Amino acid sequence: MKTEISWNDFEKIDIRVGTITTVNDFPEARNPAYQLQIDFGSEIGIRKSSAQITKRYEKEVLIGKQVIAVVNFPKKQIGKFMSECLVLGLVGDDTKDVVLLSPDFKVENGMKMA
């Protein structure tokens, strides 16, 4: 287990739901990954992210899928690509086998985690 954080620390994280609108291969990435564009609704808009989810997900299946992401991290340069949010997923011992976190039901883009 990682270091315990305070409730104040946790409240600083802005976790939202968004819908994947575009998926592209990312051959420049060190590990197999996709470049995603995710619609977080009118308040946040479209954000880009790099995600190492190629083992479990085909590009076609990801279009229209809602995912959970942290939207208030600083942008991160990955090669020539600028990642603007962190898509959340679950990993076991095989860190290349990521299962995306997503809502059980279709919800409005931009909804906040509570």
PDB file of N, CA and C in Angstrom:
ATOM      1  N   MET A   1       0.837  -1.171   0.000  1.00  0.00           N
ATOM      2  CA  MET A   1       0.000   0.000   0.000  1.00  0.00           C
ATOM      3  C   MET A   1       0.888   1.242   0.000  1.00  0.00           C
ATOM      4  N   LYS A   2       0.422   2.274  -0.680  1.00  0.00           N
ATOM      5  CA  LYS A   2       1.166   3.529  -0.751  1.00  0.00           C
ATOM      6  C   LYS A   2       0.932   4.369   0.503  1.00  0.00           C
ATOM      7  N   THR A   3       1.651   5.458   0.599  1.00  0.00           N
ATOM      8  CA  THR A   3       1.543   6.362   1.735  1.00  0.00           C
ATOM      9  C   THR A   3       0.121   6.902   1.861  1.00  0.00           C
ATOM     10  N   GLU A   4      -0.363   6.950   3.080  1.00  0.00           N
ATOM     11  CA  GLU A   4      -1.694   7.470   3.352  1.00  0.00           C
ATOM     12  C   GLU A   4      -1.738   8.965   3.030  1.00  0.00           C
ATOM     13  N   ILE A   5      -2.854   9.395   2.424  1.00  0.00           N
ATOM     14  CA  ILE A   5      -3.044  10.815   2.125  1.00  0.00           C
ATOM     15  C   ILE A   5      -4.220  11.328   2.940  1.00  0.00           C
ATOM     16  N   SER A   6      -4.331  12.637   3.017  1.00  0.00           N
ATOM     17  CA  SER A   6      -5.437  13.241   3.760  1.00  0.00           C
ATOM     18  C   SER A   6      -6.645  13.416   2.835  1.00  0.00           C
ATOM     19  N   TRP A   7      -7.796  13.671   3.432  1.00  0.00           N
ATOM     20  CA  TRP A   7      -9.003  13.958   2.647  1.00  0.00           C
ATOM     21  C   TRP A   7      -8.777  15.208   1.807  1.00  0.00           C
ATOM     22  N   ASN A   8      -8.062  16.198   2.365  1.00  0.00           N
ATOM     23  CA  ASN A   8      -7.739  17.417   1.611  1.00  0.00           C
ATOM     24  C   ASN A   8      -6.955  17.090   0.352  1.00  0.00           C
ATOM     25  N   ASP A   9      -5.982  16.173   0.452  1.00  0.00           N
ATOM     26  CA  ASP A   9      -5.205  15.757  -0.717  1.00  0.00           C
ATOM     27  C   ASP A   9      -6.129  15.153  -1.770  1.00  0.00           C
ATOM     28  N   PHE A  10      -7.006  14.274  -1.347  1.00  0.00           N
ATOM     29  CA  PHE A  10      -7.909  13.587  -2.271  1.00  0.00           C
ATOM     30  C   PHE A  10      -8.847  14.570  -2.964  1.00  0.00           C
ATOM     31  N   GLU A  11      -9.328  15.560  -2.226  1.00  0.00           N
ATOM     32  CA  GLU A  11     -10.265  16.533  -2.800  1.00  0.00           C
ATOM     33  C   GLU A  11      -9.643  17.392  -3.900  1.00  0.00           C
ATOM     34  N   LYS A  12      -8.328  17.433  -3.981  1.00  0.00           N
ATOM     35  CA  LYS A  12      -7.638  18.206  -5.018  1.00  0.00           C
ATOM     36  C   LYS A  12      -7.692  17.522  -6.380  1.00  0.00           C
ATOM     37  N   ILE A  13      -7.975  16.224  -6.398  1.00  0.00           N
ATOM     38  CA  ILE A  13      -7.987  15.466  -7.653  1.00  0.00           C
ATOM     39  C   ILE A  13      -9.342  15.650  -8.340  1.00  0.00           C
ATOM     40  N   ASP A  14      -9.298  16.083  -9.599  1.00  0.00           N
ATOM     41  CA  ASP A  14     -10.519  16.287 -10.380  1.00  0.00           C
ATOM     42  C   ASP A  14     -10.679  15.094 -11.321  1.00  0.00           C
ATOM     43  N   ILE A  15     -11.585  14.187 -10.967  1.00  0.00           N
ATOM     44  CA  ILE A  15     -11.816  12.966 -11.739  1.00  0.00           C
ATOM     45  C   ILE A  15     -13.166  13.098 -12.433  1.00  0.00           C
ATOM     46  N   ARG A  16     -13.152  12.940 -13.764  1.00  0.00           N
ATOM     47  CA  ARG A  16     -14.358  13.137 -14.577  1.00  0.00           C
ATOM     48  C   ARG A  16     -14.561  11.980 -15.542  1.00  0.00           C
ATOM     49  N   VAL A  17     -15.768  11.918 -16.083  1.00  0.00           N
ATOM     50  CA  VAL A  17     -16.081  10.953 -17.135  1.00  0.00           C
ATOM     51  C   VAL A  17     -16.053  11.676 -18.482  1.00  0.00           C
ATOM     52  N   GLY A  18     -15.534  10.962 -19.483  1.00  0.00           N
ATOM     53  CA  GLY A  18     -15.516  11.491 -20.837  1.00  0.00           C
ATOM     54  C   GLY A  18     -15.714  10.370 -21.842  1.00  0.00           C
ATOM     55  N   THR A  19     -16.036  10.743 -23.062  1.00  0.00           N
ATOM     56  CA  THR A  19     -16.260   9.770 -24.124  1.00  0.00           C
ATOM     57  C   THR A  19     -15.127   9.851 -25.139  1.00  0.00           C
ATOM     58  N   ILE A  20     -14.548   8.700 -25.446  1.00  0.00           N
ATOM     59  CA  ILE A  20     -13.467   8.641 -26.438  1.00  0.00           C
ATOM     60  C   ILE A  20     -14.061   8.913 -27.813  1.00  0.00           C
ATOM     61  N   THR A  21     -13.497   9.905 -28.508  1.00  0.00           N
ATOM     62  CA  THR A  21     -14.001  10.278 -29.830  1.00  0.00           C
ATOM     63  C   THR A  21     -13.056   9.874 -30.957  1.00  0.00           C
ATOM     64  N   THR A  22     -11.760   9.801 -30.643  1.00  0.00           N
ATOM     65  CA  THR A  22     -10.749   9.481 -31.654  1.00  0.00           C
ATOM     66  C   THR A  22      -9.687   8.589 -31.033  1.00  0.00           C
ATOM     67  N   VAL A  23      -9.254   7.576 -31.802  1.00  0.00           N
ATOM     68  CA  VAL A  23      -8.172   6.692 -31.357  1.00  0.00           C
ATOM     69  C   VAL A  23      -7.186   6.533 -32.506  1.00  0.00           C
ATOM     70  N   ASN A  24      -5.909   6.804 -32.227  1.00  0.00           N
ATOM     71  CA  ASN A  24      -4.852   6.633 -33.221  1.00  0.00           C
ATOM     72  C   ASN A  24      -3.727   5.786 -32.649  1.00  0.00           C
ATOM     73  N   ASP A  25      -3.041   5.059 -33.527  1.00  0.00           N
ATOM     74  CA  ASP A  25      -1.845   4.334 -33.097  1.00  0.00           C
ATOM     75  C   ASP A  25      -0.804   5.340 -32.635  1.00  0.00           C
ATOM     76  N   PHE A  26       0.084   4.887 -31.759  1.00  0.00           N
ATOM     77  CA  PHE A  26       1.145   5.753 -31.244  1.00  0.00           C
ATOM     78  C   PHE A  26       2.476   5.006 -31.369  1.00  0.00           C
ATOM     79  N   PRO A  27       2.976   4.866 -32.599  1.00  0.00           N
ATOM     80  CA  PRO A  27       4.181   4.058 -32.828  1.00  0.00           C
ATOM     81  C   PRO A  27       5.437   4.620 -32.161  1.00  0.00           C
ATOM     82  N   GLU A  28       5.459   5.912 -31.839  1.00  0.00           N
ATOM     83  CA  GLU A  28       6.639   6.509 -31.204  1.00  0.00           C
ATOM     84  C   GLU A  28       6.731   6.186 -29.717  1.00  0.00           C
ATOM     85  N   ALA A  29       5.670   5.683 -29.110  1.00  0.00           N
ATOM     86  CA  ALA A  29       5.672   5.375 -27.675  1.00  0.00           C
ATOM     87  C   ALA A  29       6.621   4.218 -27.376  1.00  0.00           C
ATOM     88  N   ARG A  30       7.261   4.269 -26.193  1.00  0.00           N
ATOM     89  CA  ARG A  30       8.183   3.192 -25.794  1.00  0.00           C
ATOM     90  C   ARG A  30       7.463   1.860 -25.641  1.00  0.00           C
ATOM     91  N   ASN A  31       6.261   1.893 -25.080  1.00  0.00           N
ATOM     92  CA  ASN A  31       5.425   0.707 -24.939  1.00  0.00           C
ATOM     93  C   ASN A  31       4.201   0.896 -25.831  1.00  0.00           C
ATOM     94  N   PRO A  32       3.642  -0.202 -26.353  1.00  0.00           N
ATOM     95  CA  PRO A  32       2.478  -0.070 -27.236  1.00  0.00           C
ATOM     96  C   PRO A  32       1.376   0.778 -26.586  1.00  0.00           C
ATOM     97  N   ALA A  33       0.895   1.763 -27.335  1.00  0.00           N
ATOM     98  CA  ALA A  33      -0.107   2.685 -26.794  1.00  0.00           C
ATOM     99  C   ALA A  33      -0.947   3.271 -27.920  1.00  0.00           C
ATOM    100  N   TYR A  34      -2.054   3.874 -27.514  1.00  0.00           N
ATOM    101  CA  TYR A  34      -2.901   4.636 -28.414  1.00  0.00           C
ATOM    102  C   TYR A  34      -2.870   6.101 -28.000  1.00  0.00           C
ATOM    103  N   GLN A  35      -3.120   6.981 -28.962  1.00  0.00           N
ATOM    104  CA  GLN A  35      -3.394   8.380 -28.693  1.00  0.00           C
ATOM    105  C   GLN A  35      -4.910   8.532 -28.717  1.00  0.00           C
ATOM    106  N   LEU A  36      -5.468   9.061 -27.639  1.00  0.00           N
ATOM    107  CA  LEU A  36      -6.913   9.212 -27.515  1.00  0.00           C
ATOM    108  C   LEU A  36      -7.301  10.677 -27.498  1.00  0.00           C
ATOM    109  N   GLN A  37      -8.461  10.982 -28.044  1.00  0.00           N
ATOM    110  CA  GLN A  37      -9.114  12.265 -27.818  1.00  0.00           C
ATOM    111  C   GLN A  37     -10.397  11.939 -27.080  1.00  0.00           C
ATOM    112  N   ILE A  38     -10.619  12.659 -25.973  1.00  0.00           N
ATOM    113  CA  ILE A  38     -11.734  12.366 -25.082  1.00  0.00           C
ATOM    114  C   ILE A  38     -12.557  13.631 -24.872  1.00  0.00           C
ATOM    115  N   ASP A  39     -13.873  13.520 -25.057  1.00  0.00           N
ATOM    116  CA  ASP A  39     -14.784  14.643 -24.868  1.00  0.00           C
ATOM    117  C   ASP A  39     -15.274  14.654 -23.427  1.00  0.00           C
ATOM    118  N   PHE A  40     -14.897  15.712 -22.682  1.00  0.00           N
ATOM    119  CA  PHE A  40     -15.323  15.865 -21.288  1.00  0.00           C
ATOM    120  C   PHE A  40     -16.442  16.884 -21.136  1.00  0.00           C
ATOM    121  N   GLY A  41     -17.153  17.180 -22.195  1.00  0.00           N
ATOM    122  CA  GLY A  41     -18.288  18.098 -22.123  1.00  0.00           C
ATOM    123  C   GLY A  41     -17.874  19.550 -22.260  1.00  0.00           C
ATOM    124  N   SER A  42     -18.871  20.429 -22.169  1.00  0.00           N
ATOM    125  CA  SER A  42     -18.648  21.850 -22.483  1.00  0.00           C
ATOM    126  C   SER A  42     -17.721  22.556 -21.501  1.00  0.00           C
ATOM    127  N   GLU A  43     -17.702  22.174 -20.240  1.00  0.00           N
ATOM    128  CA  GLU A  43     -16.859  22.858 -19.255  1.00  0.00           C
ATOM    129  C   GLU A  43     -15.371  22.629 -19.517  1.00  0.00           C
ATOM    130  N   ILE A  44     -14.988  21.399 -19.880  1.00  0.00           N
ATOM    131  CA  ILE A  44     -13.576  21.044 -20.065  1.00  0.00           C
ATOM    132  C   ILE A  44     -13.218  20.902 -21.536  1.00  0.00           C
ATOM    133  N   GLY A  45     -14.124  20.368 -22.326  1.00  0.00           N
ATOM    134  CA  GLY A  45     -13.874  20.190 -23.752  1.00  0.00           C
ATOM    135  C   GLY A  45     -13.124  18.904 -24.063  1.00  0.00           C
ATOM    136  N   ILE A  46     -12.421  18.906 -25.188  1.00  0.00           N
ATOM    137  CA  ILE A  46     -11.686  17.735 -25.670  1.00  0.00           C
ATOM    138  C   ILE A  46     -10.287  17.755 -25.063  1.00  0.00           C
ATOM    139  N   ARG A  47      -9.861  16.618 -24.538  1.00  0.00           N
ATOM    140  CA  ARG A  47      -8.502  16.467 -24.013  1.00  0.00           C
ATOM    141  C   ARG A  47      -7.863  15.259 -24.683  1.00  0.00           C
ATOM    142  N   LYS A  48      -6.536  15.313 -24.829  1.00  0.00           N
ATOM    143  CA  LYS A  48      -5.776  14.214 -25.422  1.00  0.00           C
ATOM    144  C   LYS A  48      -5.095  13.418 -24.316  1.00  0.00           C
ATOM    145  N   SER A  49      -4.927  12.123 -24.566  1.00  0.00           N
ATOM    146  CA  SER A  49      -4.222  11.272 -23.619  1.00  0.00           C
ATOM    147  C   SER A  49      -3.552  10.133 -24.368  1.00  0.00           C
ATOM    148  N   SER A  50      -2.442   9.675 -23.833  1.00  0.00           N
ATOM    149  CA  SER A  50      -1.784   8.472 -24.320  1.00  0.00           C
ATOM    150  C   SER A  50      -2.148   7.350 -23.358  1.00  0.00           C
ATOM    151  N   ALA A  51      -2.535   6.199 -23.887  1.00  0.00           N
ATOM    152  CA  ALA A  51      -2.956   5.098 -23.017  1.00  0.00           C
ATOM    153  C   ALA A  51      -2.381   3.777 -23.509  1.00  0.00           C
ATOM    154  N   GLN A  52      -1.740   3.050 -22.598  1.00  0.00           N
ATOM    155  CA  GLN A  52      -1.159   1.746 -22.924  1.00  0.00           C
ATOM    156  C   GLN A  52      -2.217   0.670 -22.713  1.00  0.00           C
ATOM    157  N   ILE A  53      -3.171   0.632 -23.637  1.00  0.00           N
ATOM    158  CA  ILE A  53      -4.324  -0.264 -23.517  1.00  0.00           C
ATOM    159  C   ILE A  53      -4.474  -1.175 -24.734  1.00  0.00           C
ATOM    160  N   THR A  54      -3.398  -1.332 -25.500  1.00  0.00           N
ATOM    161  CA  THR A  54      -3.476  -2.069 -26.765  1.00  0.00           C
ATOM    162  C   THR A  54      -3.633  -3.575 -26.582  1.00  0.00           C
ATOM    163  N   LYS A  55      -3.258  -4.101 -25.436  1.00  0.00           N
ATOM    164  CA  LYS A  55      -3.348  -5.557 -25.235  1.00  0.00           C
ATOM    165  C   LYS A  55      -4.803  -6.020 -25.159  1.00  0.00           C
ATOM    166  N   ARG A  56      -5.651  -5.232 -24.530  1.00  0.00           N
ATOM    167  CA  ARG A  56      -7.036  -5.643 -24.294  1.00  0.00           C
ATOM    168  C   ARG A  56      -8.045  -4.984 -25.241  1.00  0.00           C
ATOM    169  N   TYR A  57      -7.714  -3.811 -25.811  1.00  0.00           N
ATOM    170  CA  TYR A  57      -8.690  -3.033 -26.577  1.00  0.00           C
ATOM    171  C   TYR A  57      -8.249  -2.791 -28.014  1.00  0.00           C
ATOM    172  N   GLU A  58      -9.173  -3.015 -28.942  1.00  0.00           N
ATOM    173  CA  GLU A  58      -8.995  -2.640 -30.346  1.00  0.00           C
ATOM    174  C   GLU A  58      -9.507  -1.218 -30.513  1.00  0.00           C
ATOM    175  N   LYS A  59      -8.943  -0.490 -31.454  1.00  0.00           N
ATOM    176  CA  LYS A  59      -9.316   0.914 -31.653  1.00  0.00           C
ATOM    177  C   LYS A  59     -10.816   1.087 -31.874  1.00  0.00           C
ATOM    178  N   GLU A  60     -11.401   0.221 -32.692  1.00  0.00           N
ATOM    179  CA  GLU A  60     -12.813   0.361 -33.053  1.00  0.00           C
ATOM    180  C   GLU A  60     -13.729   0.233 -31.837  1.00  0.00           C
ATOM    181  N   VAL A  61     -13.352  -0.584 -30.871  1.00  0.00           N
ATOM    182  CA  VAL A  61     -14.167  -0.805 -29.674  1.00  0.00           C
ATOM    183  C   VAL A  61     -14.134   0.413 -28.748  1.00  0.00           C
ATOM    184  N   LEU A  62     -13.056   1.179 -28.825  1.00  0.00           N
ATOM    185  CA  LEU A  62     -12.879   2.315 -27.922  1.00  0.00           C
ATOM    186  C   LEU A  62     -13.701   3.544 -28.323  1.00  0.00           C
ATOM    187  N   ILE A  63     -13.987   3.700 -29.621  1.00  0.00           N
ATOM    188  CA  ILE A  63     -14.757   4.861 -30.072  1.00  0.00           C
ATOM    189  C   ILE A  63     -16.140   4.832 -29.415  1.00  0.00           C
ATOM    190  N   GLY A  64     -16.499   5.915 -28.721  1.00  0.00           N
ATOM    191  CA  GLY A  64     -17.788   6.001 -28.036  1.00  0.00           C
ATOM    192  C   GLY A  64     -17.782   5.457 -26.623  1.00  0.00           C
ATOM    193  N   LYS A  65     -16.676   4.859 -26.194  1.00  0.00           N
ATOM    194  CA  LYS A  65     -16.590   4.308 -24.836  1.00  0.00           C
ATOM    195  C   LYS A  65     -16.367   5.432 -23.839  1.00  0.00           C
ATOM    196  N   GLN A  66     -17.116   5.401 -22.749  1.00  0.00           N
ATOM    197  CA  GLN A  66     -16.902   6.368 -21.681  1.00  0.00           C
ATOM    198  C   GLN A  66     -15.823   5.845 -20.739  1.00  0.00           C
ATOM    199  N   VAL A  67     -14.938   6.754 -20.323  1.00  0.00           N
ATOM    200  CA  VAL A  67     -13.832   6.406 -19.435  1.00  0.00           C
ATOM    201  C   VAL A  67     -13.758   7.418 -18.301  1.00  0.00           C
ATOM    202  N   ILE A  68     -13.030   7.033 -17.264  1.00  0.00           N
ATOM    203  CA  ILE A  68     -12.799   7.884 -16.103  1.00  0.00           C
ATOM    204  C   ILE A  68     -11.363   8.399 -16.194  1.00  0.00           C
ATOM    205  N   ALA A  69     -11.175   9.694 -15.943  1.00  0.00           N
ATOM    206  CA  ALA A  69      -9.833  10.272 -16.071  1.00  0.00           C
ATOM    207  C   ALA A  69      -9.613  11.401 -15.067  1.00  0.00           C
ATOM    208  N   VAL A  70      -8.351  11.612 -14.717  1.00  0.00           N
ATOM    209  CA  VAL A  70      -7.949  12.771 -13.924  1.00  0.00           C
ATOM    210  C   VAL A  70      -7.685  13.897 -14.914  1.00  0.00           C
ATOM    211  N   VAL A  71      -8.361  15.024 -14.732  1.00  0.00           N
ATOM    212  CA  VAL A  71      -8.255  16.107 -15.709  1.00  0.00           C
ATOM    213  C   VAL A  71      -7.459  17.312 -15.212  1.00  0.00           C
ATOM    214  N   ASN A  72      -6.962  17.265 -13.973  1.00  0.00           N
ATOM    215  CA  ASN A  72      -6.237  18.435 -13.467  1.00  0.00           C
ATOM    216  C   ASN A  72      -4.759  18.161 -13.172  1.00  0.00           C
ATOM    217  N   PHE A  73      -4.181  17.151 -13.819  1.00  0.00           N
ATOM    218  CA  PHE A  73      -2.729  16.979 -13.792  1.00  0.00           C
ATOM    219  C   PHE A  73      -2.115  17.947 -14.791  1.00  0.00           C
ATOM    220  N   PRO A  74      -0.853  18.338 -14.591  1.00  0.00           N
ATOM    221  CA  PRO A  74      -0.189  19.141 -15.614  1.00  0.00           C
ATOM    222  C   PRO A  74      -0.039  18.324 -16.900  1.00  0.00           C
ATOM    223  N   LYS A  75       0.010  19.013 -18.030  1.00  0.00           N
ATOM    224  CA  LYS A  75       0.230  18.334 -19.304  1.00  0.00           C
ATOM    225  C   LYS A  75       1.577  17.616 -19.254  1.00  0.00           C
ATOM    226  N   LYS A  76       1.670  16.482 -19.978  1.00  0.00           N
ATOM    227  CA  LYS A  76       2.900  15.694 -19.983  1.00  0.00           C
ATOM    228  C   LYS A  76       3.316  15.406 -21.421  1.00  0.00           C
ATOM    229  N   GLN A  77       4.542  15.759 -21.749  1.00  0.00           N
ATOM    230  CA  GLN A  77       5.087  15.509 -23.087  1.00  0.00           C
ATOM    231  C   GLN A  77       5.508  14.044 -23.178  1.00  0.00           C
ATOM    232  N   ILE A  78       4.963  13.331 -24.161  1.00  0.00           N
ATOM    233  CA  ILE A  78       5.333  11.935 -24.421  1.00  0.00           C
ATOM    234  C   ILE A  78       5.759  11.885 -25.878  1.00  0.00           C
ATOM    235  N   GLY A  79       7.075  11.913 -26.112  1.00  0.00           N
ATOM    236  CA  GLY A  79       7.577  12.038 -27.480  1.00  0.00           C
ATOM    237  C   GLY A  79       7.122  13.369 -28.043  1.00  0.00           C
ATOM    238  N   LYS A  80       6.504  13.338 -29.212  1.00  0.00           N
ATOM    239  CA  LYS A  80       5.987  14.563 -29.830  1.00  0.00           C
ATOM    240  C   LYS A  80       4.527  14.818 -29.450  1.00  0.00           C
ATOM    241  N   PHE A  81       3.987  13.993 -28.572  1.00  0.00           N
ATOM    242  CA  PHE A  81       2.574  14.054 -28.192  1.00  0.00           C
ATOM    243  C   PHE A  81       2.438  14.687 -26.808  1.00  0.00           C
ATOM    244  N   MET A  82       1.455  15.569 -26.637  1.00  0.00           N
ATOM    245  CA  MET A  82       1.191  16.196 -25.346  1.00  0.00           C
ATOM    246  C   MET A  82      -0.055  15.569 -24.729  1.00  0.00           C
ATOM    247  N   SER A  83       0.133  14.837 -23.632  1.00  0.00           N
ATOM    248  CA  SER A  83      -0.978  14.222 -22.920  1.00  0.00           C
ATOM    249  C   SER A  83      -1.567  15.239 -21.957  1.00  0.00           C
ATOM    250  N   GLU A  84      -2.896  15.398 -21.983  1.00  0.00           N
ATOM    251  CA  GLU A  84      -3.571  16.452 -21.223  1.00  0.00           C
ATOM    252  C   GLU A  84      -4.444  15.925 -20.081  1.00  0.00           C
ATOM    253  N   CYS A  85      -4.536  14.609 -19.941  1.00  0.00           N
ATOM    254  CA  CYS A  85      -5.284  14.011 -18.840  1.00  0.00           C
ATOM    255  C   CYS A  85      -4.773  12.593 -18.634  1.00  0.00           C
ATOM    256  N   LEU A  86      -5.142  11.990 -17.505  1.00  0.00           N
ATOM    257  CA  LEU A  86      -4.709  10.626 -17.196  1.00  0.00           C
ATOM    258  C   LEU A  86      -5.927   9.720 -17.152  1.00  0.00           C
ATOM    259  N   VAL A  87      -6.048   8.836 -18.135  1.00  0.00           N
ATOM    260  CA  VAL A  87      -7.132   7.862 -18.166  1.00  0.00           C
ATOM    261  C   VAL A  87      -6.830   6.801 -17.110  1.00  0.00           C
ATOM    262  N   LEU A  88      -7.835   6.456 -16.312  1.00  0.00           N
ATOM    263  CA  LEU A  88      -7.631   5.518 -15.206  1.00  0.00           C
ATOM    264  C   LEU A  88      -7.988   4.089 -15.608  1.00  0.00           C
ATOM    265  N   GLY A  89      -7.189   3.163 -15.121  1.00  0.00           N
ATOM    266  CA  GLY A  89      -7.421   1.754 -15.393  1.00  0.00           C
ATOM    267  C   GLY A  89      -6.877   0.900 -14.273  1.00  0.00           C
ATOM    268  N   LEU A  90      -7.174  -0.368 -14.337  1.00  0.00           N
ATOM    269  CA  LEU A  90      -6.722  -1.340 -13.348  1.00  0.00           C
ATOM    270  C   LEU A  90      -5.642  -2.213 -13.955  1.00  0.00           C
ATOM    271  N   VAL A  91      -4.604  -2.503 -13.183  1.00  0.00           N
ATOM    272  CA  VAL A  91      -3.530  -3.378 -13.643  1.00  0.00           C
ATOM    273  C   VAL A  91      -3.220  -4.396 -12.559  1.00  0.00           C
ATOM    274  N   GLY A  92      -2.852  -5.588 -13.009  1.00  0.00           N
ATOM    275  CA  GLY A  92      -2.406  -6.621 -12.091  1.00  0.00           C
ATOM    276  C   GLY A  92      -0.906  -6.775 -12.223  1.00  0.00           C
ATOM    277  N   ASP A  93      -0.432  -7.996 -12.126  1.00  0.00           N
ATOM    278  CA  ASP A  93       0.999  -8.259 -12.255  1.00  0.00           C
ATOM    279  C   ASP A  93       1.499  -7.957 -13.657  1.00  0.00           C
ATOM    280  N   ASP A  94       0.642  -8.175 -14.662  1.00  0.00           N
ATOM    281  CA  ASP A  94       0.997  -7.877 -16.050  1.00  0.00           C
ATOM    282  C   ASP A  94       0.603  -6.435 -16.332  1.00  0.00           C
ATOM    283  N   THR A  95       1.528  -5.503 -16.158  1.00  0.00           N
ATOM    284  CA  THR A  95       1.213  -4.082 -16.265  1.00  0.00           C
ATOM    285  C   THR A  95       0.849  -3.647 -17.678  1.00  0.00           C
ATOM    286  N   LYS A  96       0.988  -4.541 -18.652  1.00  0.00           N
ATOM    287  CA  LYS A  96       0.594  -4.214 -20.020  1.00  0.00           C
ATOM    288  C   LYS A  96      -0.860  -4.619 -20.300  1.00  0.00           C
ATOM    289  N   ASP A  97      -1.513  -5.234 -19.316  1.00  0.00           N
ATOM    290  CA  ASP A  97      -2.902  -5.654 -19.461  1.00  0.00           C
ATOM    291  C   ASP A  97      -3.775  -4.738 -18.603  1.00  0.00           C
ATOM    292  N   VAL A  98      -4.175  -3.604 -19.173  1.00  0.00           N
ATOM    293  CA  VAL A  98      -4.929  -2.578 -18.453  1.00  0.00           C
ATOM    294  C   VAL A  98      -6.417  -2.726 -18.753  1.00  0.00           C
ATOM    295  N   VAL A  99      -7.229  -2.662 -17.701  1.00  0.00           N
ATOM    296  CA  VAL A  99      -8.684  -2.649 -17.833  1.00  0.00           C
ATOM    297  C   VAL A  99      -9.148  -1.237 -17.482  1.00  0.00           C
ATOM    298  N   LEU A 100      -9.786  -0.578 -18.423  1.00  0.00           N
ATOM    299  CA  LEU A 100     -10.225   0.802 -18.219  1.00  0.00           C
ATOM    300  C   LEU A 100     -11.344   0.897 -17.194  1.00  0.00           C
ATOM    301  N   LEU A 101     -11.313   1.966 -16.407  1.00  0.00           N
ATOM    302  CA  LEU A 101     -12.428   2.268 -15.511  1.00  0.00           C
ATOM    303  C   LEU A 101     -13.481   3.019 -16.309  1.00  0.00           C
ATOM    304  N   SER A 102     -14.730   2.615 -16.172  1.00  0.00           N
ATOM    305  CA  SER A 102     -15.813   3.276 -16.898  1.00  0.00           C
ATOM    306  C   SER A 102     -17.105   3.122 -16.112  1.00  0.00           C
ATOM    307  N   PRO A 103     -18.057   4.049 -16.317  1.00  0.00           N
ATOM    308  CA  PRO A 103     -19.335   3.952 -15.604  1.00  0.00           C
ATOM    309  C   PRO A 103     -20.160   2.770 -16.122  1.00  0.00           C
ATOM    310  N   ASP A 104     -21.001   2.237 -15.251  1.00  0.00           N
ATOM    311  CA  ASP A 104     -21.906   1.140 -15.638  1.00  0.00           C
ATOM    312  C   ASP A 104     -22.966   1.594 -16.633  1.00  0.00           C
ATOM    313  N   PHE A 105     -23.345   2.862 -16.555  1.00  0.00           N
ATOM    314  CA  PHE A 105     -24.393   3.416 -17.397  1.00  0.00           C
ATOM    315  C   PHE A 105     -23.862   4.647 -18.118  1.00  0.00           C
ATOM    316  N   LYS A 106     -24.399   4.928 -19.295  1.00  0.00           N
ATOM    317  CA  LYS A 106     -24.006   6.137 -20.024  1.00  0.00           C
ATOM    318  C   LYS A 106     -24.446   7.347 -19.223  1.00  0.00           C
ATOM    319  N   VAL A 107     -23.498   8.259 -19.001  1.00  0.00           N
ATOM    320  CA  VAL A 107     -23.767   9.466 -18.242  1.00  0.00           C
ATOM    321  C   VAL A 107     -23.298  10.681 -19.028  1.00  0.00           C
ATOM    322  N   GLU A 108     -23.597  11.854 -18.531  1.00  0.00           N
ATOM    323  CA  GLU A 108     -23.208  13.093 -19.190  1.00  0.00           C
ATOM    324  C   GLU A 108     -21.693  13.279 -19.100  1.00  0.00           C
ATOM    325  N   ASN A 109     -21.074  13.612 -20.237  1.00  0.00           N
ATOM    326  CA  ASN A 109     -19.635  13.881 -20.243  1.00  0.00           C
ATOM    327  C   ASN A 109     -19.323  15.023 -19.292  1.00  0.00           C
ATOM    328  N   GLY A 110     -18.237  14.873 -18.544  1.00  0.00           N
ATOM    329  CA  GLY A 110     -17.806  15.898 -17.607  1.00  0.00           C
ATOM    330  C   GLY A 110     -18.303  15.693 -16.192  1.00  0.00           C
ATOM    331  N   MET A 111     -19.172  14.694 -15.978  1.00  0.00           N
ATOM    332  CA  MET A 111     -19.637  14.456 -14.610  1.00  0.00           C
ATOM    333  C   MET A 111     -18.445  14.192 -13.709  1.00  0.00           C
ATOM    334  N   LYS A 112     -18.516  14.712 -12.485  1.00  0.00           N
ATOM    335  CA  LYS A 112     -17.438  14.575 -11.503  1.00  0.00           C
ATOM    336  C   LYS A 112     -17.608  13.325 -10.666  1.00  0.00           C
ATOM    337  N   MET A 113     -16.480  12.758 -10.280  1.00  0.00           N
ATOM    338  CA  MET A 113     -16.520  11.656  -9.333  1.00  0.00           C
ATOM    339  C   MET A 113     -16.911  12.220  -7.970  1.00  0.00           C
ATOM    340  N   ALA A 114     -17.762  11.503  -7.274  1.00  0.00           N
ATOM    341  CA  ALA A 114     -18.208  11.969  -5.942  1.00  0.00           C
ATOM    342  C   ALA A 114     -17.912  10.917  -4.906  1.00  0.00           C
TER     343      ALA A 114
END
